[in-house]
Amino acid sequence: MPNDQFYEVKGKKHHRQITIASVALLVSKPPTKEKRCRIKVRMILNNKSNAGAPEWLDSAYIYVAKHHQVVTPPEEFRGYQLEFSVDNLFGPKAAKAPKCQMRSFEVSEFGDRENPDVACTFTIYTPWSSKLWNWLGQLGGEEVWCSFTPGTEEDEKGDAEDDEDEDEEEEGPKGAAKPAGKNGPKQLEVFHQ
């Protein structure tokens, strides 16, 4: 399986059950003020079929389950078509999101301390859609089904251009304080790690 694919599309292995952890509206700088949705999701990896998973995700799952430490893979995916559904894989697709980006992956333990699950948490960036926004708002905190379908190369190139207009809410490296503006102190320790 190619490294640039999140889950295999063959055999419907790209249909995954996820939990919508949080949803946020992002607005770019004037004059465009382009809107985007940021969705933080959690996908439980154990106690469920993980067929079609990429090698990096399987390796991270095994490491976390064995050593009980957090893994933050540097993977990033662009140009994905996402389709969300409440019922199951075969139910009607309630909301769609084209040209999505997925990044900020973290594999860690989640839930009960004595018997935790291993979960993959990541962030999805989607173009603005009021239908998607309303649907996500109603189902925040709930488990839903999502199909992750890779887009075309044109979709991925378009997403790379969109990154230049990224909002200012983006977080830096873990533990880094947010910049204090033009006259604030510089966070040089982040660059020397």
Protein backbone atom coordinates (compact mmCIF):
# COMPACT_ATOMS: atom_id res chain seq x y z
CA MET A 1 0.00 0.00 0.00
CA PRO A 2 1.39 3.46 -0.85
CA ASN A 3 2.56 5.62 2.05
CA ASP A 4 0.49 8.56 0.83
CA GLN A 5 -2.81 6.77 1.53
CA PHE A 6 -4.59 6.90 4.87
CA TYR A 7 -6.55 3.63 4.58
CA GLU A 8 -6.94 1.23 1.65
CA VAL A 9 -9.93 2.13 -0.50
CA LYS A 10 -10.18 -1.39 -1.92
CA GLY A 11 -12.76 -3.47 -0.08
CA LYS A 12 -14.32 -0.47 1.71
CA LYS A 13 -11.56 -0.50 4.34
CA HIS A 14 -11.51 3.30 4.26
CA HIS A 15 -14.88 3.42 6.09
CA ARG A 16 -13.98 4.06 9.73
CA GLN A 17 -15.93 4.77 12.90
CA ILE A 18 -14.76 8.00 14.54
CA THR A 19 -15.84 10.23 17.41
CA ILE A 20 -16.21 13.96 16.75
CA ALA A 21 -14.26 15.44 19.67
CA SER A 22 -14.60 19.14 18.77
CA VAL A 23 -15.47 21.45 15.91
CA ALA A 24 -14.20 24.99 15.32
CA LEU A 25 -14.72 27.70 12.74
CA LEU A 26 -11.54 29.17 11.25
CA VAL A 27 -11.56 32.49 9.39
CA SER A 28 -8.58 33.65 7.33
CA LYS A 29 -7.21 37.18 7.39
CA PRO A 30 -8.93 40.06 5.56
CA PRO A 31 -9.71 40.81 2.81
CA THR A 32 -10.74 37.22 1.90
CA LYS A 33 -11.97 36.08 5.33
CA GLU A 34 -12.28 32.56 3.94
CA LYS A 35 -14.05 30.17 6.32
CA ARG A 36 -12.97 26.62 7.09
CA CYS A 37 -13.99 23.95 9.59
CA ARG A 38 -11.48 22.33 11.92
CA ILE A 39 -12.67 18.96 13.26
CA LYS A 40 -10.77 17.08 15.94
CA VAL A 41 -11.64 13.39 15.81
CA ARG A 42 -10.76 10.24 17.72
CA MET A 43 -10.61 6.78 16.19
CA ILE A 44 -10.33 3.78 18.53
CA LEU A 45 -7.80 1.31 17.13
CA ASN A 46 -8.21 -1.73 19.38
CA ASN A 47 -11.32 -3.91 19.69
CA LYS A 48 -12.17 -3.04 16.07
CA SER A 49 -11.03 -4.29 12.70
CA ASN A 50 -8.08 -2.21 11.57
CA ALA A 51 -7.74 -3.86 8.16
CA GLY A 52 -6.26 -1.64 5.48
CA ALA A 53 -4.43 0.58 7.98
CA PRO A 54 -1.13 2.12 6.88
CA GLU A 55 2.04 0.62 8.33
CA TRP A 56 2.90 3.74 10.36
CA LEU A 57 -0.47 3.56 12.17
CA ASP A 58 -0.14 -0.17 12.92
CA SER A 59 3.39 0.39 14.26
CA ALA A 60 2.25 3.31 16.44
CA TYR A 61 -0.66 1.25 17.79
CA ILE A 62 1.62 -1.66 18.75
CA TYR A 63 4.15 0.68 20.40
CA VAL A 64 1.52 2.54 22.46
CA ALA A 65 -0.19 -0.68 23.54
CA LYS A 66 3.14 -2.17 24.67
CA HIS A 67 4.97 0.85 26.14
CA HIS A 68 2.02 3.07 27.22
CA GLN A 69 3.59 6.18 25.68
CA VAL A 70 2.20 8.74 23.23
CA VAL A 71 3.33 8.61 19.58
CA THR A 72 2.95 11.64 17.26
CA PRO A 73 3.55 10.49 13.67
CA PRO A 74 4.46 13.35 11.28
CA GLU A 75 1.97 12.15 8.64
CA GLU A 76 -0.21 14.58 6.70
CA PHE A 77 -2.81 13.89 4.01
CA ARG A 78 -4.35 16.32 1.52
CA GLY A 79 -7.13 16.32 -1.02
CA TYR A 80 -9.34 13.72 0.66
CA GLN A 81 -13.08 13.46 0.05
CA LEU A 82 -14.85 12.70 3.34
CA GLU A 83 -18.39 11.40 3.64
CA PHE A 84 -20.03 11.21 7.05
CA SER A 85 -22.96 9.02 8.10
CA VAL A 86 -24.67 8.41 11.43
CA ASP A 87 -26.13 4.95 10.97
CA ASN A 88 -23.57 2.67 9.37
CA LEU A 89 -21.46 2.12 6.29
CA PHE A 90 -24.46 1.60 4.08
CA GLY A 91 -26.72 4.37 5.35
CA PRO A 92 -27.30 7.65 3.54
CA LYS A 93 -24.35 10.02 3.57
CA ALA A 94 -25.51 12.91 5.73
CA ALA A 95 -22.63 15.27 5.03
CA LYS A 96 -19.77 15.51 2.56
CA ALA A 97 -16.52 17.46 2.60
CA PRO A 98 -14.26 17.69 -0.47
CA LYS A 99 -10.56 18.68 -0.53
CA CYS A 100 -9.89 17.89 3.13
CA GLN A 101 -6.58 17.88 4.95
CA MET A 102 -5.74 15.56 7.84
CA ARG A 103 -2.82 16.22 10.17
CA SER A 104 -1.65 16.47 13.81
CA PHE A 105 -1.89 12.72 14.34
CA GLU A 106 -1.41 11.39 17.86
CA VAL A 107 -1.70 7.77 18.96
CA SER A 108 -2.24 7.39 22.70
CA GLU A 109 -4.16 5.57 25.38
CA PHE A 110 -7.71 6.73 25.98
CA GLY A 111 -10.39 5.92 28.53
CA ASP A 112 -10.25 3.71 31.63
CA ARG A 113 -6.85 3.71 33.37
CA GLU A 114 -6.97 0.02 34.20
CA ASN A 115 -8.00 -1.11 30.72
CA PRO A 116 -7.43 1.78 28.27
CA ASP A 117 -8.15 1.78 24.58
CA VAL A 118 -5.55 2.88 22.05
CA ALA A 119 -6.87 5.75 19.97
CA CYS A 120 -5.64 7.81 17.06
CA THR A 121 -6.57 11.48 17.44
CA PHE A 122 -6.14 13.84 14.50
CA THR A 123 -7.41 17.07 13.01
CA ILE A 124 -9.39 17.42 9.78
CA TYR A 125 -9.58 20.74 7.92
CA THR A 126 -12.51 21.11 5.51
CA PRO A 127 -13.81 23.88 3.28
CA TRP A 128 -16.77 25.74 4.80
CA SER A 129 -20.23 24.26 4.29
CA SER A 130 -23.23 25.30 6.36
CA LYS A 131 -24.76 21.83 5.93
CA LEU A 132 -21.57 20.18 7.22
CA TRP A 133 -21.26 22.74 10.05
CA ASN A 134 -24.83 22.10 11.22
CA TRP A 135 -24.41 18.34 10.97
CA LEU A 136 -21.14 18.35 12.93
CA GLY A 137 -22.64 20.66 15.57
CA GLN A 138 -25.52 18.27 16.16
CA LEU A 139 -23.26 15.23 16.42
CA GLY A 140 -20.36 16.65 18.43
CA GLY A 141 -19.16 14.04 20.93
CA GLU A 142 -20.93 11.22 19.06
CA GLU A 143 -19.56 8.25 17.13
CA VAL A 144 -20.17 8.48 13.39
CA TRP A 145 -18.99 6.68 10.27
CA CYS A 146 -16.63 8.39 7.86
CA SER A 147 -15.21 7.27 4.53
CA PHE A 148 -11.75 8.63 3.70
CA THR A 149 -11.38 8.66 -0.10
CA PRO A 150 -8.17 10.03 -1.64
CA GLY A 151 -8.71 12.87 -4.10
CA THR A 152 -6.95 13.66 -7.34
CA GLU A 153 -3.52 15.27 -7.65
CA GLU A 154 -5.26 18.56 -8.54
CA ASP A 155 -7.07 18.48 -5.18
CA GLU A 156 -3.77 18.01 -3.35
CA LYS A 157 -2.11 20.90 -5.21
CA GLY A 158 -5.05 23.17 -4.39
CA ASP A 159 -4.76 22.26 -0.70
CA ALA A 160 -1.06 23.14 -0.67
CA GLU A 161 -1.90 26.63 -1.94
CA ASP A 162 -4.61 26.97 0.73
CA ASP A 163 -2.01 26.34 3.46
CA GLU A 164 -0.42 29.70 2.68
CA ASP A 165 -3.60 31.37 3.92
CA GLU A 166 -3.72 29.28 7.10
CA ASP A 167 -5.37 30.86 10.13
CA GLU A 168 -3.39 32.26 13.03
CA GLU A 169 -4.87 29.77 15.51
CA GLU A 170 -2.45 27.03 14.49
CA GLU A 171 -0.45 25.61 17.33
CA GLY A 172 3.31 25.41 17.25
CA PRO A 173 5.40 22.53 18.53
CA LYS A 174 4.20 20.89 21.75
CA GLY A 175 4.98 23.00 24.77
CA ALA A 176 5.64 26.14 22.74
CA ALA A 177 4.05 29.33 23.94
CA LYS A 178 2.14 31.37 21.41
CA PRO A 179 4.06 34.34 20.01
CA ALA A 180 3.41 37.58 21.86
CA GLY A 181 3.20 39.73 18.73
CA LYS A 182 5.73 42.04 17.08
CA ASN A 183 7.00 43.55 20.32
CA GLY A 184 6.76 40.43 22.49
CA PRO A 185 9.60 38.15 23.56
CA LYS A 186 10.83 35.63 21.02
CA GLN A 187 10.32 31.94 21.81
CA LEU A 188 13.81 30.84 20.79
CA GLU A 189 13.88 27.69 22.91
CA VAL A 190 11.40 26.11 20.49
CA PHE A 191 13.87 26.42 17.63
CA HIS A 192 16.79 24.95 19.57
CA GLN A 193 15.14 21.67 20.58
